[in-house]
Amino acid sequence: GGGNAGESYLLAWYFAAFHTRTDAFEKRNQKGL
């Protein structure tokens, strides 16, 4: 990659926040890593 203003780590956070469902969180309210 090239040096620029940054990389899109935000897409990972967006995907995790709005497009994942986990059994641990849904059933046991346990956060993932």
Full PDB file with SEQRES, HELIX, SHEET, SSBOND, CRYST1, ORIGX, SCALE, CONECT and MASTER records, all heavy atoms in Angstrom:
SEQRES   1 A   33  GLY GLY GLY ASN ALA GLY GLU SER TYR LEU LEU ALA TRP          
SEQRES   2 A   33  TYR PHE ALA ALA PHE HIS THR ARG THR ASP ALA PHE GLU          
SEQRES   3 A   33  LYS ARG ASN GLN LYS GLY LEU                                  
HELIX    1 AA1 TYR A    9  PHE A   18  1                                  10    
HELIX    2 AA2 ASP A   23  ARG A   28  1                                   6    
CRYST1    1.000    1.000    1.000  90.00  90.00  90.00 P 1           1          
ORIGX1      1.000000  0.000000  0.000000        0.00000                         
ORIGX2      0.000000  1.000000  0.000000        0.00000                         
ORIGX3      0.000000  0.000000  1.000000        0.00000                         
SCALE1      1.000000  0.000000  0.000000        0.00000                         
SCALE2      0.000000  1.000000  0.000000        0.00000                         
SCALE3      0.000000  0.000000  1.000000        0.00000                         
ATOM      1  N   GLY A   1       0.829  -1.196   0.000  1.00  0.00           N  
ATOM      2  CA  GLY A   1       0.000   0.000   0.000  1.00  0.00           C  
ATOM      3  C   GLY A   1       0.863   1.244   0.000  1.00  0.00           C  
ATOM      4  O   GLY A   1       2.075   1.189   0.208  1.00  0.00           O  
ATOM      5  N   GLY A   2       0.254   2.362  -0.237  1.00  0.00           N  
ATOM      6  CA  GLY A   2       1.003   3.609  -0.245  1.00  0.00           C  
ATOM      7  C   GLY A   2       0.678   4.441   0.968  1.00  0.00           C  
ATOM      8  O   GLY A   2      -0.356   4.266   1.598  1.00  0.00           O  
ATOM      9  N   GLY A   3       1.562   5.334   1.300  1.00  0.00           N  
ATOM     10  CA  GLY A   3       1.308   6.252   2.401  1.00  0.00           C  
ATOM     11  C   GLY A   3       0.219   7.230   1.997  1.00  0.00           C  
ATOM     12  O   GLY A   3       0.271   7.815   0.929  1.00  0.00           O  
ATOM     13  N   ASN A   4      -0.778   7.344   2.814  1.00  0.00           N  
ATOM     14  CA  ASN A   4      -1.866   8.285   2.541  1.00  0.00           C  
ATOM     15  C   ASN A   4      -2.416   8.795   3.862  1.00  0.00           C  
ATOM     16  O   ASN A   4      -1.767   8.656   4.891  1.00  0.00           O  
ATOM     17  CB  ASN A   4      -2.961   7.638   1.682  1.00  0.00           C  
ATOM     18  CG  ASN A   4      -3.518   6.378   2.305  1.00  0.00           C  
ATOM     19  OD1 ASN A   4      -3.286   6.099   3.474  1.00  0.00           O  
ATOM     20  ND2 ASN A   4      -4.260   5.615   1.546  1.00  0.00           N  
ATOM     21  N   ALA A   5      -3.594   9.321   3.848  1.00  0.00           N  
ATOM     22  CA  ALA A   5      -4.181   9.904   5.058  1.00  0.00           C  
ATOM     23  C   ALA A   5      -4.661   8.845   6.044  1.00  0.00           C  
ATOM     24  O   ALA A   5      -5.067   9.176   7.146  1.00  0.00           O  
ATOM     25  CB  ALA A   5      -5.332  10.820   4.682  1.00  0.00           C  
ATOM     26  N   GLY A   6      -4.661   7.593   5.655  1.00  0.00           N  
ATOM     27  CA  GLY A   6      -5.108   6.541   6.547  1.00  0.00           C  
ATOM     28  C   GLY A   6      -5.724   5.398   5.784  1.00  0.00           C  
ATOM     29  O   GLY A   6      -5.741   5.384   4.554  1.00  0.00           O  
ATOM     30  N   GLU A   7      -6.195   4.414   6.528  1.00  0.00           N  
ATOM     31  CA  GLU A   7      -6.838   3.245   5.936  1.00  0.00           C  
ATOM     32  C   GLU A   7      -8.232   3.086   6.529  1.00  0.00           C  
ATOM     33  O   GLU A   7      -8.572   3.677   7.548  1.00  0.00           O  
ATOM     34  CB  GLU A   7      -5.993   1.985   6.171  1.00  0.00           C  
ATOM     35  CG  GLU A   7      -4.699   2.042   5.376  1.00  0.00           C  
ATOM     36  CD  GLU A   7      -3.810   0.831   5.582  1.00  0.00           C  
ATOM     37  OE1 GLU A   7      -3.959   0.115   6.598  1.00  0.00           O  
ATOM     38  OE2 GLU A   7      -2.941   0.621   4.730  1.00  0.00           O  
ATOM     39  N   SER A   8      -9.025   2.262   5.885  1.00  0.00           N  
ATOM     40  CA  SER A   8     -10.454   2.178   6.186  1.00  0.00           C  
ATOM     41  C   SER A   8     -10.788   1.157   7.276  1.00  0.00           C  
ATOM     42  O   SER A   8     -11.643   0.313   7.111  1.00  0.00           O  
ATOM     43  CB  SER A   8     -11.230   1.866   4.913  1.00  0.00           C  
ATOM     44  OG  SER A   8     -10.724   0.692   4.323  1.00  0.00           O  
ATOM     45  N   TYR A   9     -10.140   1.267   8.415  1.00  0.00           N  
ATOM     46  CA  TYR A   9     -10.475   0.434   9.566  1.00  0.00           C  
ATOM     47  C   TYR A   9     -11.927   0.678   9.981  1.00  0.00           C  
ATOM     48  O   TYR A   9     -12.561  -0.182  10.581  1.00  0.00           O  
ATOM     49  CB  TYR A   9      -9.538   0.743  10.735  1.00  0.00           C  
ATOM     50  CG  TYR A   9      -8.079   0.675  10.364  1.00  0.00           C  
ATOM     51  CD1 TYR A   9      -7.343   1.828  10.101  1.00  0.00           C  
ATOM     52  CD2 TYR A   9      -7.429  -0.549  10.253  1.00  0.00           C  
ATOM     53  CE1 TYR A   9      -6.006   1.765   9.755  1.00  0.00           C  
ATOM     54  CE2 TYR A   9      -6.089  -0.622   9.900  1.00  0.00           C  
ATOM     55  CZ  TYR A   9      -5.382   0.538   9.652  1.00  0.00           C  
ATOM     56  OH  TYR A   9      -4.068   0.466   9.297  1.00  0.00           O  
ATOM     57  N   LEU A  10     -12.423   1.853   9.641  1.00  0.00           N  
ATOM     58  CA  LEU A  10     -13.803   2.213   9.974  1.00  0.00           C  
ATOM     59  C   LEU A  10     -14.805   1.259   9.340  1.00  0.00           C  
ATOM     60  O   LEU A  10     -15.871   1.021   9.910  1.00  0.00           O  
ATOM     61  CB  LEU A  10     -14.111   3.636   9.498  1.00  0.00           C  
ATOM     62  CG  LEU A  10     -13.260   4.757  10.098  1.00  0.00           C  
ATOM     63  CD1 LEU A  10     -13.641   6.096   9.486  1.00  0.00           C  
ATOM     64  CD2 LEU A  10     -13.393   4.782  11.592  1.00  0.00           C  
ATOM     65  N   LEU A  11     -14.461   0.705   8.189  1.00  0.00           N  
ATOM     66  CA  LEU A  11     -15.370  -0.262   7.557  1.00  0.00           C  
ATOM     67  C   LEU A  11     -15.531  -1.509   8.427  1.00  0.00           C  
ATOM     68  O   LEU A  11     -16.623  -2.065   8.510  1.00  0.00           O  
ATOM     69  CB  LEU A  11     -14.868  -0.649   6.172  1.00  0.00           C  
ATOM     70  CG  LEU A  11     -15.101   0.386   5.086  1.00  0.00           C  
ATOM     71  CD1 LEU A  11     -14.351  -0.010   3.812  1.00  0.00           C  
ATOM     72  CD2 LEU A  11     -16.586   0.541   4.799  1.00  0.00           C  
ATOM     73  N   ALA A  12     -14.469  -1.925   9.063  1.00  0.00           N  
ATOM     74  CA  ALA A  12     -14.555  -3.084   9.966  1.00  0.00           C  
ATOM     75  C   ALA A  12     -15.459  -2.760  11.143  1.00  0.00           C  
ATOM     76  O   ALA A  12     -16.295  -3.574  11.544  1.00  0.00           O  
ATOM     77  CB  ALA A  12     -13.169  -3.489  10.449  1.00  0.00           C  
ATOM     78  N   TRP A  13     -15.305  -1.557  11.690  1.00  0.00           N  
ATOM     79  CA  TRP A  13     -16.150  -1.157  12.816  1.00  0.00           C  
ATOM     80  C   TRP A  13     -17.600  -1.036  12.375  1.00  0.00           C  
ATOM     81  O   TRP A  13     -18.505  -1.442  13.100  1.00  0.00           O  
ATOM     82  CB  TRP A  13     -15.661   0.152  13.411  1.00  0.00           C  
ATOM     83  CG  TRP A  13     -14.295   0.084  14.033  1.00  0.00           C  
ATOM     84  CD1 TRP A  13     -13.560  -1.038  14.307  1.00  0.00           C  
ATOM     85  CD2 TRP A  13     -13.498   1.177  14.449  1.00  0.00           C  
ATOM     86  NE1 TRP A  13     -12.362  -0.702  14.868  1.00  0.00           N  
ATOM     87  CE2 TRP A  13     -12.290   0.657  14.961  1.00  0.00           C  
ATOM     88  CE3 TRP A  13     -13.673   2.556  14.427  1.00  0.00           C  
ATOM     89  CZ2 TRP A  13     -11.283   1.466  15.469  1.00  0.00           C  
ATOM     90  CZ3 TRP A  13     -12.668   3.361  14.929  1.00  0.00           C  
ATOM     91  CH2 TRP A  13     -11.489   2.817  15.452  1.00  0.00           C  
ATOM     92  N   TYR A  14     -17.823  -0.477  11.203  1.00  0.00           N  
ATOM     93  CA  TYR A  14     -19.179  -0.344  10.676  1.00  0.00           C  
ATOM     94  C   TYR A  14     -19.808  -1.730  10.506  1.00  0.00           C  
ATOM     95  O   TYR A  14     -20.930  -1.971  10.942  1.00  0.00           O  
ATOM     96  CB  TYR A  14     -19.161   0.401   9.332  1.00  0.00           C  
ATOM     97  CG  TYR A  14     -20.522   0.482   8.689  1.00  0.00           C  
ATOM     98  CD1 TYR A  14     -21.400   1.516   9.006  1.00  0.00           C  
ATOM     99  CD2 TYR A  14     -20.944  -0.487   7.781  1.00  0.00           C  
ATOM    100  CE1 TYR A  14     -22.656   1.580   8.435  1.00  0.00           C  
ATOM    101  CE2 TYR A  14     -22.200  -0.423   7.207  1.00  0.00           C  
ATOM    102  CZ  TYR A  14     -23.051   0.608   7.532  1.00  0.00           C  
ATOM    103  OH  TYR A  14     -24.302   0.661   6.981  1.00  0.00           O  
ATOM    104  N   PHE A  15     -19.073  -2.628   9.872  1.00  0.00           N  
ATOM    105  CA  PHE A  15     -19.588  -3.971   9.626  1.00  0.00           C  
ATOM    106  C   PHE A  15     -19.891  -4.677  10.948  1.00  0.00           C  
ATOM    107  O   PHE A  15     -20.955  -5.275  11.117  1.00  0.00           O  
ATOM    108  CB  PHE A  15     -18.595  -4.783   8.790  1.00  0.00           C  
ATOM    109  CG  PHE A  15     -19.155  -6.080   8.310  1.00  0.00           C  
ATOM    110  CD1 PHE A  15     -19.946  -6.128   7.177  1.00  0.00           C  
ATOM    111  CD2 PHE A  15     -18.910  -7.253   9.001  1.00  0.00           C  
ATOM    112  CE1 PHE A  15     -20.487  -7.330   6.734  1.00  0.00           C  
ATOM    113  CE2 PHE A  15     -19.452  -8.458   8.568  1.00  0.00           C  
ATOM    114  CZ  PHE A  15     -20.236  -8.493   7.432  1.00  0.00           C  
ATOM    115  N   ALA A  16     -18.961  -4.598  11.901  1.00  0.00           N  
ATOM    116  CA  ALA A  16     -19.170  -5.247  13.196  1.00  0.00           C  
ATOM    117  C   ALA A  16     -20.374  -4.652  13.933  1.00  0.00           C  
ATOM    118  O   ALA A  16     -21.160  -5.386  14.541  1.00  0.00           O  
ATOM    119  CB  ALA A  16     -17.913  -5.116  14.052  1.00  0.00           C  
ATOM    120  N   ALA A  17     -20.528  -3.349  13.864  1.00  0.00           N  
ATOM    121  CA  ALA A  17     -21.605  -2.680  14.594  1.00  0.00           C  
ATOM    122  C   ALA A  17     -22.982  -2.965  14.004  1.00  0.00           C  
ATOM    123  O   ALA A  17     -23.947  -3.161  14.742  1.00  0.00           O  
ATOM    124  CB  ALA A  17     -21.361  -1.171  14.616  1.00  0.00           C  
ATOM    125  N   PHE A  18     -23.061  -3.011  12.675  1.00  0.00           N  
ATOM    126  CA  PHE A  18     -24.373  -3.044  12.033  1.00  0.00           C  
ATOM    127  C   PHE A  18     -24.674  -4.300  11.216  1.00  0.00           C  
ATOM    128  O   PHE A  18     -25.807  -4.472  10.777  1.00  0.00           O  
ATOM    129  CB  PHE A  18     -24.541  -1.813  11.134  1.00  0.00           C  
ATOM    130  CG  PHE A  18     -24.422  -0.519  11.875  1.00  0.00           C  
ATOM    131  CD1 PHE A  18     -23.395   0.364  11.580  1.00  0.00           C  
ATOM    132  CD2 PHE A  18     -25.316  -0.179  12.880  1.00  0.00           C  
ATOM    133  CE1 PHE A  18     -23.276   1.567  12.262  1.00  0.00           C  
ATOM    134  CE2 PHE A  18     -25.205   1.023  13.570  1.00  0.00           C  
ATOM    135  CZ  PHE A  18     -24.178   1.894  13.254  1.00  0.00           C  
ATOM    136  N   HIS A  19     -23.696  -5.169  11.025  1.00  0.00           N  
ATOM    137  CA  HIS A  19     -23.920  -6.320  10.149  1.00  0.00           C  
ATOM    138  C   HIS A  19     -23.431  -7.641  10.740  1.00  0.00           C  
ATOM    139  O   HIS A  19     -23.164  -8.583   9.991  1.00  0.00           O  
ATOM    140  CB  HIS A  19     -23.270  -6.082   8.779  1.00  0.00           C  
ATOM    141  CG  HIS A  19     -23.903  -4.960   8.025  1.00  0.00           C  
ATOM    142  ND1 HIS A  19     -25.079  -5.112   7.327  1.00  0.00           N  
ATOM    143  CD2 HIS A  19     -23.541  -3.664   7.902  1.00  0.00           C  
ATOM    144  CE1 HIS A  19     -25.400  -3.956   6.778  1.00  0.00           C  
ATOM    145  NE2 HIS A  19     -24.492  -3.053   7.124  1.00  0.00           N  
ATOM    146  N   THR A  20     -23.284  -7.716  12.035  1.00  0.00           N  
ATOM    147  CA  THR A  20     -22.940  -8.996  12.664  1.00  0.00           C  
ATOM    148  C   THR A  20     -23.946  -9.298  13.769  1.00  0.00           C  
ATOM    149  O   THR A  20     -24.478  -8.393  14.403  1.00  0.00           O  
ATOM    150  CB  THR A  20     -21.521  -9.000  13.279  1.00  0.00           C  
ATOM    151  OG1 THR A  20     -21.442  -8.018  14.310  1.00  0.00           O  
ATOM    152  CG2 THR A  20     -20.456  -8.757  12.228  1.00  0.00           C  
ATOM    153  N   ARG A  21     -24.189 -10.565  13.943  1.00  0.00           N  
ATOM    154  CA  ARG A  21     -24.991 -11.069  15.059  1.00  0.00           C  
ATOM    155  C   ARG A  21     -24.242 -12.262  15.609  1.00  0.00           C  
ATOM    156  O   ARG A  21     -23.800 -13.116  14.852  1.00  0.00           O  
ATOM    157  CB  ARG A  21     -26.373 -11.494  14.589  1.00  0.00           C  
ATOM    158  CG  ARG A  21     -27.209 -10.291  14.147  1.00  0.00           C  
ATOM    159  CD  ARG A  21     -28.595 -10.686  13.813  1.00  0.00           C  
ATOM    160  NE  ARG A  21     -29.167 -11.354  14.989  1.00  0.00           N  
ATOM    161  CZ  ARG A  21     -30.410 -11.778  15.059  1.00  0.00           C  
ATOM    162  NH1 ARG A  21     -31.210 -11.628  14.033  1.00  0.00           N  
ATOM    163  NH2 ARG A  21     -30.869 -12.367  16.130  1.00  0.00           N  
ATOM    164  N   THR A  22     -24.093 -12.299  16.911  1.00  0.00           N  
ATOM    165  CA  THR A  22     -23.399 -13.428  17.525  1.00  0.00           C  
ATOM    166  C   THR A  22     -24.271 -14.030  18.611  1.00  0.00           C  
ATOM    167  O   THR A  22     -24.993 -13.320  19.322  1.00  0.00           O  
ATOM    168  CB  THR A  22     -22.055 -12.993  18.134  1.00  0.00           C  
ATOM    169  OG1 THR A  22     -22.300 -12.031  19.155  1.00  0.00           O  
ATOM    170  CG2 THR A  22     -21.121 -12.413  17.077  1.00  0.00           C  
ATOM    171  N   ASP A  23     -24.181 -15.320  18.733  1.00  0.00           N  
ATOM    172  CA  ASP A  23     -24.904 -16.048  19.756  1.00  0.00           C  
ATOM    173  C   ASP A  23     -24.509 -15.557  21.151  1.00  0.00           C  
ATOM    174  O   ASP A  23     -25.362 -15.384  22.018  1.00  0.00           O  
ATOM    175  CB  ASP A  23     -24.608 -17.545  19.602  1.00  0.00           C  
ATOM    176  CG  ASP A  23     -25.401 -18.378  20.561  1.00  0.00           C  
ATOM    177  OD1 ASP A  23     -26.626 -18.465  20.382  1.00  0.00           O  
ATOM    178  OD2 ASP A  23     -24.793 -18.944  21.492  1.00  0.00           O  
ATOM    179  N   ALA A  24     -23.220 -15.323  21.344  1.00  0.00           N  
ATOM    180  CA  ALA A  24     -22.740 -14.902  22.661  1.00  0.00           C  
ATOM    181  C   ALA A  24     -23.393 -13.592  23.096  1.00  0.00           C  
ATOM    182  O   ALA A  24     -23.786 -13.444  24.250  1.00  0.00           O  
ATOM    183  CB  ALA A  24     -21.221 -14.761  22.655  1.00  0.00           C  
ATOM    184  N   PHE A  25     -23.524 -12.654  22.182  1.00  0.00           N  
ATOM    185  CA  PHE A  25     -24.114 -11.366  22.546  1.00  0.00           C  
ATOM    186  C   PHE A  25     -25.637 -11.457  22.617  1.00  0.00           C  
ATOM    187  O   PHE A  25     -26.249 -10.986  23.568  1.00  0.00           O  
ATOM    188  CB  PHE A  25     -23.701 -10.265  21.564  1.00  0.00           C  
ATOM    189  CG  PHE A  25     -24.123  -8.906  22.024  1.00  0.00           C  
ATOM    190  CD1 PHE A  25     -23.393  -8.236  22.983  1.00  0.00           C  
ATOM    191  CD2 PHE A  25     -25.265  -8.314  21.522  1.00  0.00           C  
ATOM    192  CE1 PHE A  25     -23.788  -6.980  23.436  1.00  0.00           C  
ATOM    193  CE2 PHE A  25     -25.675  -7.072  21.970  1.00  0.00           C  
ATOM    194  CZ  PHE A  25     -24.933  -6.398  22.927  1.00  0.00           C  
ATOM    195  N   GLU A  26     -26.244 -12.071  21.600  1.00  0.00           N  
ATOM    196  CA  GLU A  26     -27.705 -12.134  21.532  1.00  0.00           C  
ATOM    197  C   GLU A  26     -28.316 -12.917  22.692  1.00  0.00           C  
ATOM    198  O   GLU A  26     -29.337 -12.533  23.235  1.00  0.00           O  
ATOM    199  CB  GLU A  26     -28.158 -12.755  20.202  1.00  0.00           C  
ATOM    200  CG  GLU A  26     -27.705 -11.983  18.971  1.00  0.00           C  
ATOM    201  CD  GLU A  26     -28.345 -10.614  18.837  1.00  0.00           C  
ATOM    202  OE1 GLU A  26     -29.514 -10.459  19.235  1.00  0.00           O  
ATOM    203  OE2 GLU A  26     -27.666  -9.702  18.341  1.00  0.00           O  
ATOM    204  N   LYS A  27     -27.693 -14.017  23.065  1.00  0.00           N  
ATOM    205  CA  LYS A  27     -28.277 -14.884  24.094  1.00  0.00           C  
ATOM    206  C   LYS A  27     -27.700 -14.664  25.489  1.00  0.00           C  
ATOM    207  O   LYS A  27     -28.376 -14.900  26.473  1.00  0.00           O  
ATOM    208  CB  LYS A  27     -28.089 -16.346  23.700  1.00  0.00           C  
ATOM    209  CG  LYS A  27     -28.907 -16.721  22.481  1.00  0.00           C  
ATOM    210  CD  LYS A  27     -28.788 -18.187  22.179  1.00  0.00           C  
ATOM    211  CE  LYS A  27     -29.643 -18.543  20.968  1.00  0.00           C  
ATOM    212  NZ  LYS A  27     -29.489 -19.939  20.591  1.00  0.00           N  
ATOM    213  N   ARG A  28     -26.428 -14.244  25.569  1.00  0.00           N  
ATOM    214  CA  ARG A  28     -25.784 -14.132  26.875  1.00  0.00           C  
ATOM    215  C   ARG A  28     -25.248 -12.738  27.178  1.00  0.00           C  
ATOM    216  O   ARG A  28     -24.609 -12.527  28.198  1.00  0.00           O  
ATOM    217  CB  ARG A  28     -24.658 -15.165  26.972  1.00  0.00           C  
ATOM    218  CG  ARG A  28     -25.146 -16.599  26.875  1.00  0.00           C  
ATOM    219  CD  ARG A  28     -24.027 -17.598  27.030  1.00  0.00           C  
ATOM    220  NE  ARG A  28     -22.993 -17.523  26.012  1.00  0.00           N  
ATOM    221  CZ  ARG A  28     -23.090 -18.025  24.781  1.00  0.00           C  
ATOM    222  NH1 ARG A  28     -24.189 -18.635  24.403  1.00  0.00           N  
ATOM    223  NH2 ARG A  28     -22.095 -17.931  23.928  1.00  0.00           N  
ATOM    224  N   ASN A  29     -25.469 -11.805  26.256  1.00  0.00           N  
ATOM    225  CA  ASN A  29     -24.993 -10.430  26.416  1.00  0.00           C  
ATOM    226  C   ASN A  29     -23.493 -10.361  26.678  1.00  0.00           C  
ATOM    227  O   ASN A  29     -23.020  -9.518  27.438  1.00  0.00           O  
ATOM    228  CB  ASN A  29     -25.774  -9.703  27.511  1.00  0.00           C  
ATOM    229  CG  ASN A  29     -25.728  -8.211  27.340  1.00  0.00           C  
ATOM    230  OD1 ASN A  29     -25.702  -7.709  26.222  1.00  0.00           O  
ATOM    231  ND2 ASN A  29     -25.706  -7.497  28.456  1.00  0.00           N  
ATOM    232  N   GLN A  30     -22.744 -11.270  26.051  1.00  0.00           N  
ATOM    233  CA  GLN A  30     -21.285 -11.272  26.173  1.00  0.00           C  
ATOM    234  C   GLN A  30     -20.683 -10.614  24.944  1.00  0.00           C  
ATOM    235  O   GLN A  30     -20.952 -11.020  23.817  1.00  0.00           O  
ATOM    236  CB  GLN A  30     -20.740 -12.698  26.279  1.00  0.00           C  
ATOM    237  CG  GLN A  30     -21.112 -13.391  27.549  1.00  0.00           C  
ATOM    238  CD  GLN A  30     -20.598 -14.828  27.567  1.00  0.00           C  
ATOM    239  OE1 GLN A  30     -20.359 -15.434  26.534  1.00  0.00           O  
ATOM    240  NE2 GLN A  30     -20.425 -15.362  28.752  1.00  0.00           N  
ATOM    241  N   LYS A  31     -19.874  -9.606  25.190  1.00  0.00           N  
ATOM    242  CA  LYS A  31     -19.207  -8.929  24.086  1.00  0.00           C  
ATOM    243  C   LYS A  31     -18.161  -9.844  23.462  1.00  0.00           C  
ATOM    244  O   LYS A  31     -17.546 -10.664  24.141  1.00  0.00           O  
ATOM    245  CB  LYS A  31     -18.507  -7.663  24.568  1.00  0.00           C  
ATOM    246  CG  LYS A  31     -19.449  -6.534  24.892  1.00  0.00           C  
ATOM    247  CD  LYS A  31     -18.636  -5.295  25.226  1.00  0.00           C  
ATOM    248  CE  LYS A  31     -19.521  -4.110  25.473  1.00  0.00           C  
ATOM    249  NZ  LYS A  31     -18.718  -2.889  25.714  1.00  0.00           N  
ATOM    250  N   GLY A  32     -17.958  -9.638  22.180  1.00  0.00           N  
ATOM    251  CA  GLY A  32     -16.909 -10.346  21.472  1.00  0.00           C  
ATOM    252  C   GLY A  32     -15.640  -9.520  21.454  1.00  0.00           C  
ATOM    253  O   GLY A  32     -15.561  -8.450  22.052  1.00  0.00           O  
ATOM    254  N   LEU A  33     -14.652 -10.025  20.759  1.00  0.00           N  
ATOM    255  CA  LEU A  33     -13.388  -9.330  20.579  1.00  0.00           C  
ATOM    256  C   LEU A  33     -13.254  -8.968  19.108  1.00  0.00           C  
ATOM    257  O   LEU A  33     -13.451  -9.816  18.237  1.00  0.00           O  
ATOM    258  CB  LEU A  33     -12.216 -10.222  20.992  1.00  0.00           C  
ATOM    259  CG  LEU A  33     -12.239 -10.735  22.425  1.00  0.00           C  
ATOM    260  CD1 LEU A  33     -11.080 -11.692  22.655  1.00  0.00           C  
ATOM    261  CD2 LEU A  33     -12.200  -9.595  23.409  1.00  0.00           C  
TER     262      LEU A  33                                                      
MASTER        0    0    0    2    0    0    0    6  261    1    0    3          
END                                                                             
